[in-house]
Amino acid sequence: MVMLSFMIFVVAEICATQCPEKGYNNCCTDYEWDGILGNCTRCKPGYYGINCNNTCPYPNFGYACQQNCSQKCSKEECDFAKGCSSEYNVELLYSKWSKSIALAILVRI
């Protein structure tokens, strides 16, 4: 158990020294200091960079800006953290639904 703890500590120290750029409390890029936990944590969805100071540029969003919303919605409807806004999706769904209802009413007449 002691050997395992030592190995984890050594690996953690090696990883920490491999960060080319460090932010507050020596957190690596794409990590920020969590004062409550007392350690570096991964950036929240939609944020990246040193101390997680940057937001994802359109059309990217989510963790490490790895997701893309350009095929699903416009720049105005794309949230840097969550992607296409639910408000837009609800409007789109309502629009399709209301057209279906209107078509059904038209066919019945």
N, C-alpha and C. Protein backbone atom coordinates (compact mmCIF):
# COMPACT_ATOMS: atom_id res chain seq x y z
N MET A 1 0.82 -1.19 0.00
CA MET A 1 0.00 0.00 0.00
C MET A 1 0.87 1.26 0.00
N VAL A 2 1.94 1.23 0.78
CA VAL A 2 2.86 2.37 0.82
C VAL A 2 3.52 2.56 -0.53
N MET A 3 3.91 1.46 -1.15
CA MET A 3 4.56 1.52 -2.46
C MET A 3 3.60 2.09 -3.50
N LEU A 4 2.33 1.68 -3.47
CA LEU A 4 1.34 2.19 -4.41
C LEU A 4 1.13 3.69 -4.21
N SER A 5 1.04 4.13 -2.98
CA SER A 5 0.90 5.57 -2.69
C SER A 5 2.09 6.35 -3.21
N PHE A 6 3.28 5.83 -3.02
CA PHE A 6 4.49 6.48 -3.51
C PHE A 6 4.48 6.56 -5.02
N MET A 7 4.06 5.48 -5.69
CA MET A 7 4.02 5.46 -7.16
C MET A 7 3.02 6.49 -7.68
N ILE A 8 1.87 6.60 -7.05
CA ILE A 8 0.87 7.58 -7.47
C ILE A 8 1.42 8.99 -7.29
N PHE A 9 2.10 9.25 -6.18
CA PHE A 9 2.69 10.56 -5.92
C PHE A 9 3.73 10.90 -6.98
N VAL A 10 4.60 9.94 -7.31
CA VAL A 10 5.65 10.16 -8.32
C VAL A 10 5.03 10.44 -9.68
N VAL A 11 4.03 9.65 -10.07
CA VAL A 11 3.36 9.87 -11.36
C VAL A 11 2.70 11.24 -11.38
N ALA A 12 2.04 11.62 -10.29
CA ALA A 12 1.39 12.93 -10.22
C ALA A 12 2.42 14.06 -10.34
N GLU A 13 3.55 13.91 -9.69
CA GLU A 13 4.60 14.93 -9.77
C GLU A 13 5.17 15.03 -11.18
N ILE A 14 5.38 13.89 -11.84
CA ILE A 14 5.90 13.89 -13.20
C ILE A 14 4.92 14.57 -14.13
N CYS A 15 3.63 14.24 -14.00
CA CYS A 15 2.61 14.86 -14.85
C CYS A 15 2.55 16.36 -14.62
N ALA A 16 2.64 16.77 -13.37
CA ALA A 16 2.56 18.19 -13.05
C ALA A 16 3.72 18.97 -13.66
N THR A 17 4.89 18.36 -13.73
CA THR A 17 6.04 19.07 -14.29
C THR A 17 6.03 19.07 -15.82
N GLN A 18 5.17 18.29 -16.44
CA GLN A 18 5.11 18.23 -17.90
C GLN A 18 4.21 19.30 -18.50
N CYS A 19 3.54 20.07 -17.68
CA CYS A 19 2.67 21.13 -18.19
C CYS A 19 3.54 22.26 -18.73
N PRO A 20 3.41 22.58 -20.02
CA PRO A 20 4.24 23.64 -20.58
C PRO A 20 3.86 25.02 -20.02
N GLU A 21 2.57 25.24 -19.76
CA GLU A 21 2.13 26.51 -19.19
C GLU A 21 1.29 26.20 -17.97
N LYS A 22 1.52 26.95 -16.91
CA LYS A 22 0.77 26.72 -15.68
C LYS A 22 0.08 27.99 -15.26
N GLY A 23 -1.07 27.81 -14.65
CA GLY A 23 -1.83 28.95 -14.15
C GLY A 23 -1.76 29.03 -12.64
N TYR A 24 -2.80 29.56 -12.05
CA TYR A 24 -2.90 29.74 -10.61
C TYR A 24 -2.67 28.42 -9.88
N ASN A 25 -1.85 28.43 -8.85
CA ASN A 25 -1.50 27.24 -8.05
C ASN A 25 -0.93 26.12 -8.92
N ASN A 26 -0.25 26.49 -9.99
CA ASN A 26 0.40 25.55 -10.90
C ASN A 26 -0.55 24.60 -11.62
N CYS A 27 -1.78 25.01 -11.81
CA CYS A 27 -2.72 24.17 -12.57
C CYS A 27 -2.33 24.20 -14.05
N CYS A 28 -2.43 23.06 -14.69
CA CYS A 28 -2.11 22.95 -16.12
C CYS A 28 -3.17 23.67 -16.95
N THR A 29 -2.85 23.91 -18.20
CA THR A 29 -3.80 24.46 -19.15
C THR A 29 -5.02 23.55 -19.18
N ASP A 30 -6.20 24.12 -19.29
CA ASP A 30 -7.50 23.43 -19.28
C ASP A 30 -7.89 22.89 -17.91
N TYR A 31 -7.23 23.43 -16.86
CA TYR A 31 -7.58 23.12 -15.48
C TYR A 31 -7.62 24.43 -14.71
N GLU A 32 -8.39 24.44 -13.63
CA GLU A 32 -8.45 25.61 -12.76
C GLU A 32 -8.40 25.16 -11.30
N TRP A 33 -8.00 26.08 -10.43
CA TRP A 33 -7.88 25.77 -9.01
C TRP A 33 -9.27 25.78 -8.37
N ASP A 34 -9.59 24.70 -7.66
CA ASP A 34 -10.82 24.61 -6.90
C ASP A 34 -10.47 24.78 -5.43
N GLY A 35 -10.77 25.95 -4.87
CA GLY A 35 -10.42 26.25 -3.49
C GLY A 35 -11.12 25.36 -2.48
N ILE A 36 -12.30 24.88 -2.81
CA ILE A 36 -13.03 24.00 -1.89
C ILE A 36 -12.37 22.62 -1.84
N LEU A 37 -12.06 22.07 -3.01
CA LEU A 37 -11.42 20.75 -3.06
C LEU A 37 -9.93 20.83 -2.75
N GLY A 38 -9.34 22.00 -2.97
CA GLY A 38 -7.92 22.17 -2.72
C GLY A 38 -7.03 21.54 -3.77
N ASN A 39 -7.54 21.46 -5.02
CA ASN A 39 -6.72 20.92 -6.10
C ASN A 39 -7.18 21.48 -7.45
N CYS A 40 -6.45 21.13 -8.49
CA CYS A 40 -6.80 21.56 -9.83
C CYS A 40 -7.90 20.66 -10.37
N THR A 41 -8.89 21.25 -11.01
CA THR A 41 -9.97 20.48 -11.62
C THR A 41 -10.11 20.87 -13.08
N ARG A 42 -10.64 19.96 -13.86
CA ARG A 42 -10.84 20.17 -15.30
C ARG A 42 -11.79 21.36 -15.51
N CYS A 43 -11.56 22.11 -16.58
CA CYS A 43 -12.44 23.23 -16.91
C CYS A 43 -13.87 22.74 -17.08
N LYS A 44 -14.81 23.59 -16.71
CA LYS A 44 -16.22 23.28 -16.92
C LYS A 44 -16.50 23.30 -18.43
N PRO A 45 -17.58 22.65 -18.86
CA PRO A 45 -17.92 22.67 -20.29
C PRO A 45 -18.01 24.10 -20.82
N GLY A 46 -17.40 24.32 -21.98
CA GLY A 46 -17.44 25.63 -22.62
C GLY A 46 -16.26 26.52 -22.31
N TYR A 47 -15.39 26.08 -21.40
CA TYR A 47 -14.23 26.87 -21.01
C TYR A 47 -12.95 26.10 -21.31
N TYR A 48 -11.86 26.84 -21.57
CA TYR A 48 -10.57 26.21 -21.83
C TYR A 48 -9.45 27.19 -21.55
N GLY A 49 -8.22 26.70 -21.59
CA GLY A 49 -7.05 27.56 -21.45
C GLY A 49 -6.53 27.63 -20.03
N ILE A 50 -5.54 28.50 -19.84
CA ILE A 50 -4.95 28.69 -18.52
C ILE A 50 -6.01 29.27 -17.59
N ASN A 51 -6.21 28.63 -16.45
CA ASN A 51 -7.23 29.01 -15.46
C ASN A 51 -8.65 29.03 -16.04
N CYS A 52 -8.84 28.36 -17.17
CA CYS A 52 -10.17 28.26 -17.80
C CYS A 52 -10.76 29.64 -18.10
N ASN A 53 -9.92 30.56 -18.55
CA ASN A 53 -10.35 31.94 -18.78
C ASN A 53 -11.01 32.17 -20.14
N ASN A 54 -10.94 31.20 -21.04
CA ASN A 54 -11.48 31.40 -22.39
C ASN A 54 -12.75 30.59 -22.59
N THR A 55 -13.65 31.12 -23.40
CA THR A 55 -14.86 30.37 -23.77
C THR A 55 -14.68 29.82 -25.18
N CYS A 56 -15.35 28.71 -25.46
CA CYS A 56 -15.25 28.07 -26.77
C CYS A 56 -15.75 29.02 -27.86
N PRO A 57 -15.01 29.11 -28.95
CA PRO A 57 -15.48 29.93 -30.08
C PRO A 57 -16.49 29.13 -30.91
N TYR A 58 -17.45 29.82 -31.52
CA TYR A 58 -18.39 29.15 -32.42
C TYR A 58 -17.62 28.51 -33.56
N PRO A 59 -17.95 27.33 -33.96
CA PRO A 59 -19.12 26.51 -33.64
C PRO A 59 -18.86 25.47 -32.55
N ASN A 60 -17.77 25.59 -31.82
CA ASN A 60 -17.43 24.58 -30.82
C ASN A 60 -18.10 24.87 -29.49
N PHE A 61 -18.30 23.79 -28.71
CA PHE A 61 -18.86 23.93 -27.37
C PHE A 61 -18.53 22.68 -26.55
N GLY A 62 -18.82 22.74 -25.26
CA GLY A 62 -18.66 21.57 -24.38
C GLY A 62 -17.26 21.43 -23.80
N TYR A 63 -17.00 20.23 -23.21
CA TYR A 63 -15.69 19.94 -22.63
C TYR A 63 -14.60 20.07 -23.68
N ALA A 64 -13.58 20.86 -23.38
CA ALA A 64 -12.43 21.08 -24.25
C ALA A 64 -12.86 21.54 -25.65
N CYS A 65 -14.04 22.09 -25.76
CA CYS A 65 -14.57 22.62 -27.04
C CYS A 65 -14.56 21.56 -28.15
N GLN A 66 -14.83 20.32 -27.80
CA GLN A 66 -14.73 19.22 -28.75
C GLN A 66 -16.01 18.94 -29.52
N GLN A 67 -17.12 19.55 -29.14
CA GLN A 67 -18.37 19.32 -29.85
C GLN A 67 -18.64 20.49 -30.79
N ASN A 68 -19.49 20.24 -31.78
CA ASN A 68 -19.73 21.23 -32.83
C ASN A 68 -21.23 21.38 -33.05
N CYS A 69 -21.70 22.62 -33.10
CA CYS A 69 -23.14 22.83 -33.30
C CYS A 69 -23.46 23.50 -34.63
N SER A 70 -22.49 23.63 -35.52
CA SER A 70 -22.73 24.34 -36.78
C SER A 70 -23.74 23.63 -37.68
N GLN A 71 -23.87 22.32 -37.57
CA GLN A 71 -24.81 21.58 -38.41
C GLN A 71 -26.23 21.61 -37.83
N LYS A 72 -26.37 22.05 -36.56
CA LYS A 72 -27.66 21.97 -35.89
C LYS A 72 -28.33 23.32 -35.66
N CYS A 73 -27.52 24.38 -35.52
CA CYS A 73 -28.11 25.70 -35.27
C CYS A 73 -27.12 26.80 -35.65
N SER A 74 -27.61 28.02 -35.64
CA SER A 74 -26.79 29.17 -36.03
C SER A 74 -25.90 29.63 -34.86
N LYS A 75 -25.02 30.56 -35.15
CA LYS A 75 -24.12 31.10 -34.13
C LYS A 75 -24.90 31.72 -32.97
N GLU A 76 -25.98 32.41 -33.26
CA GLU A 76 -26.79 33.05 -32.23
C GLU A 76 -27.46 32.02 -31.31
N GLU A 77 -27.73 30.84 -31.82
CA GLU A 77 -28.44 29.81 -31.05
C GLU A 77 -27.51 28.81 -30.39
N CYS A 78 -26.20 28.95 -30.64
CA CYS A 78 -25.22 28.00 -30.11
C CYS A 78 -24.60 28.54 -28.82
N ASP A 79 -24.84 27.86 -27.72
CA ASP A 79 -24.26 28.23 -26.43
C ASP A 79 -22.88 27.59 -26.33
N PHE A 80 -21.88 28.34 -25.88
CA PHE A 80 -20.50 27.83 -25.83
C PHE A 80 -20.34 26.66 -24.88
N ALA A 81 -21.24 26.49 -23.92
CA ALA A 81 -21.15 25.38 -22.97
C ALA A 81 -22.08 24.23 -23.32
N LYS A 82 -23.30 24.54 -23.77
CA LYS A 82 -24.33 23.50 -23.95
C LYS A 82 -24.68 23.19 -25.40
N GLY A 83 -24.19 23.98 -26.33
CA GLY A 83 -24.52 23.76 -27.73
C GLY A 83 -25.80 24.48 -28.10
N CYS A 84 -26.58 23.89 -29.00
CA CYS A 84 -27.82 24.52 -29.46
C CYS A 84 -28.76 24.69 -28.27
N SER A 85 -29.26 25.90 -28.12
CA SER A 85 -30.10 26.20 -26.96
C SER A 85 -31.40 25.41 -27.02
N SER A 86 -31.89 25.01 -25.88
CA SER A 86 -33.13 24.25 -25.81
C SER A 86 -34.30 25.11 -26.25
N GLU A 87 -34.20 26.42 -26.04
CA GLU A 87 -35.26 27.32 -26.48
C GLU A 87 -35.44 27.20 -27.99
N TYR A 88 -34.32 27.18 -28.70
CA TYR A 88 -34.38 27.04 -30.16
C TYR A 88 -34.95 25.68 -30.54
N ASN A 89 -34.51 24.62 -29.86
CA ASN A 89 -35.01 23.28 -30.16
C ASN A 89 -36.50 23.17 -29.89
N VAL A 90 -36.98 23.80 -28.82
CA VAL A 90 -38.41 23.78 -28.52
C VAL A 90 -39.17 24.54 -29.60
N GLU A 91 -38.66 25.70 -30.01
CA GLU A 91 -39.31 26.46 -31.07
C GLU A 91 -39.36 25.66 -32.37
N LEU A 92 -38.28 24.98 -32.69
CA LEU A 92 -38.23 24.17 -33.90
C LEU A 92 -39.23 23.03 -33.82
N LEU A 93 -39.28 22.36 -32.68
CA LEU A 93 -40.22 21.27 -32.47
C LEU A 93 -41.65 21.79 -32.57
N TYR A 94 -41.94 22.93 -31.92
CA TYR A 94 -43.28 23.52 -31.96
C TYR A 94 -43.64 23.90 -33.39
N SER A 95 -42.67 24.45 -34.10
CA SER A 95 -42.90 24.86 -35.48
C SER A 95 -43.28 23.65 -36.34
N LYS A 96 -42.55 22.55 -36.18
CA LYS A 96 -42.85 21.33 -36.94
C LYS A 96 -44.20 20.77 -36.52
N TRP A 97 -44.48 20.80 -35.19
CA TRP A 97 -45.73 20.27 -34.67
C TRP A 97 -46.91 21.09 -35.17
N SER A 98 -46.80 22.43 -35.11
CA SER A 98 -47.91 23.28 -35.54
C SER A 98 -48.16 23.14 -37.03
N LYS A 99 -47.12 22.93 -37.82
CA LYS A 99 -47.31 22.72 -39.26
C LYS A 99 -48.03 21.40 -39.50
N SER A 100 -47.70 20.38 -38.71
CA SER A 100 -48.37 19.08 -38.84
C SER A 100 -49.84 19.19 -38.49
N ILE A 101 -50.15 19.92 -37.42
CA ILE A 101 -51.53 20.13 -37.00
C ILE A 101 -52.29 20.90 -38.09
N ALA A 102 -51.66 21.95 -38.60
CA ALA A 102 -52.28 22.76 -39.64
C ALA A 102 -52.54 21.91 -40.88
N LEU A 103 -51.61 21.04 -41.22
CA LEU A 103 -51.77 20.16 -42.37
C LEU A 103 -52.89 19.16 -42.11
N ALA A 104 -52.98 18.62 -40.91
CA ALA A 104 -54.02 17.66 -40.56
C ALA A 104 -55.39 18.32 -40.62
N ILE A 105 -55.48 19.56 -40.15
CA ILE A 105 -56.75 20.29 -40.19
C ILE A 105 -57.14 20.57 -41.65
N LEU A 106 -56.16 20.94 -42.44
CA LEU A 106 -56.42 21.21 -43.84
C LEU A 106 -56.93 19.97 -44.57
N VAL A 107 -56.36 18.82 -44.26
CA VAL A 107 -56.75 17.57 -44.92
C VAL A 107 -58.17 17.17 -44.51
N ARG A 108 -58.56 17.42 -43.27
CA ARG A 108 -59.88 17.04 -42.77
C ARG A 108 -60.98 17.91 -43.37
N ILE A 109 -60.68 19.11 -43.76
CA ILE A 109 -61.72 20.03 -44.26
C ILE A 109 -62.12 19.64 -45.63
